[in-house]
Protein backbone atom coordinates (compact mmCIF):
# COMPACT_ATOMS: atom_id res chain seq x y z
CA MET A 1 -18.77 -8.00 -5.26
CA PRO A 2 -20.20 -5.83 -2.50
CA PHE A 3 -21.66 -3.28 -4.91
CA LYS A 4 -24.68 -3.51 -7.14
CA PRO A 5 -26.07 -0.91 -9.61
CA HIS A 6 -28.45 1.67 -8.31
CA PRO A 7 -32.01 0.89 -9.58
CA THR A 8 -32.76 4.45 -10.98
CA ASP A 9 -29.44 6.27 -11.33
CA PRO A 10 -26.78 4.48 -13.54
CA THR A 11 -24.09 6.80 -12.21
CA LYS A 12 -24.42 5.36 -8.57
CA VAL A 13 -23.98 2.08 -6.93
CA ILE A 14 -25.29 0.50 -3.79
CA TYR A 15 -23.23 -1.20 -1.27
CA LYS A 16 -24.71 -4.59 -0.55
CA THR A 17 -23.64 -6.85 2.32
CA SER A 18 -23.40 -10.51 1.78
CA GLU A 19 -23.38 -13.24 4.30
CA TYR A 20 -20.66 -14.82 2.13
CA TRP A 21 -18.30 -11.76 2.16
CA ILE A 22 -15.39 -12.35 4.38
CA PRO A 23 -13.18 -9.40 5.29
CA LYS A 24 -9.61 -9.74 4.25
CA PRO A 25 -7.34 -10.34 7.27
CA TRP A 26 -4.98 -7.67 8.40
CA GLN A 27 -1.72 -7.60 6.62
CA GLY A 28 1.09 -5.73 8.38
CA LEU A 29 3.92 -3.91 6.78
CA THR A 30 7.12 -5.80 6.06
CA ASP A 31 10.55 -4.25 6.44
CA LYS A 32 10.89 -4.55 2.64
CA GLY A 33 7.67 -2.65 2.27
CA ILE A 34 8.75 0.16 4.49
CA GLU A 35 12.09 0.21 2.69
CA LYS A 36 10.30 0.53 -0.67
CA VAL A 37 8.24 3.52 0.56
CA TYR A 38 11.31 5.00 2.21
CA GLU A 39 13.22 4.75 -1.24
CA THR A 40 10.46 6.41 -3.14
CA THR A 41 10.27 9.54 -0.88
CA ASN A 42 12.50 12.42 -0.26
CA ALA A 43 13.50 10.62 3.00
CA GLN A 44 16.64 9.64 1.19
CA THR A 45 18.04 13.12 1.97
CA LEU A 46 17.91 12.49 5.68
CA ARG A 47 20.95 11.39 7.66
CA PRO A 48 21.51 7.57 7.77
CA GLN A 49 20.90 7.47 11.49
CA ASP A 50 17.38 8.97 10.95
CA ARG A 51 16.46 5.83 9.19
CA LEU A 52 15.75 3.95 12.44
CA VAL A 53 13.49 6.79 13.40
CA ILE A 54 11.48 6.45 10.19
CA PHE A 55 11.24 2.69 10.60
CA ASN A 56 10.05 3.11 14.23
CA PHE A 57 7.55 5.80 13.08
CA ALA A 58 6.16 3.38 10.40
CA ARG A 59 5.78 0.62 13.09
CA ALA A 60 4.01 3.00 15.30
CA ILE A 61 1.52 3.99 12.51
CA GLU A 62 1.03 0.28 11.79
CA ALA A 63 0.16 -0.50 15.45
CA ALA A 64 -2.24 2.48 15.56
CA CYS A 65 -4.13 1.14 12.53
CA ARG A 66 -4.09 -2.37 13.79
CA GLU A 67 -5.58 -1.25 17.08
CA LYS A 68 -8.23 0.86 15.41
CA ASN A 69 -9.27 -1.88 12.92
CA GLY A 70 -9.38 -4.57 15.67
């Protein structure tokens, strides 16, 4: 756990780095994941041909995040 209690303030925590802490590898979006988000938004009111635009937009966001996070 990367957090430990603050020594004087019980409402705060301290981030502690650990030599054993390994960052979680990047996990991209799956088509099913994009579809799930698409179905839970008001995007359903868009025309069916706009669906490809939304999927491409989701992939562009994913690529930007991947590039930023290395």
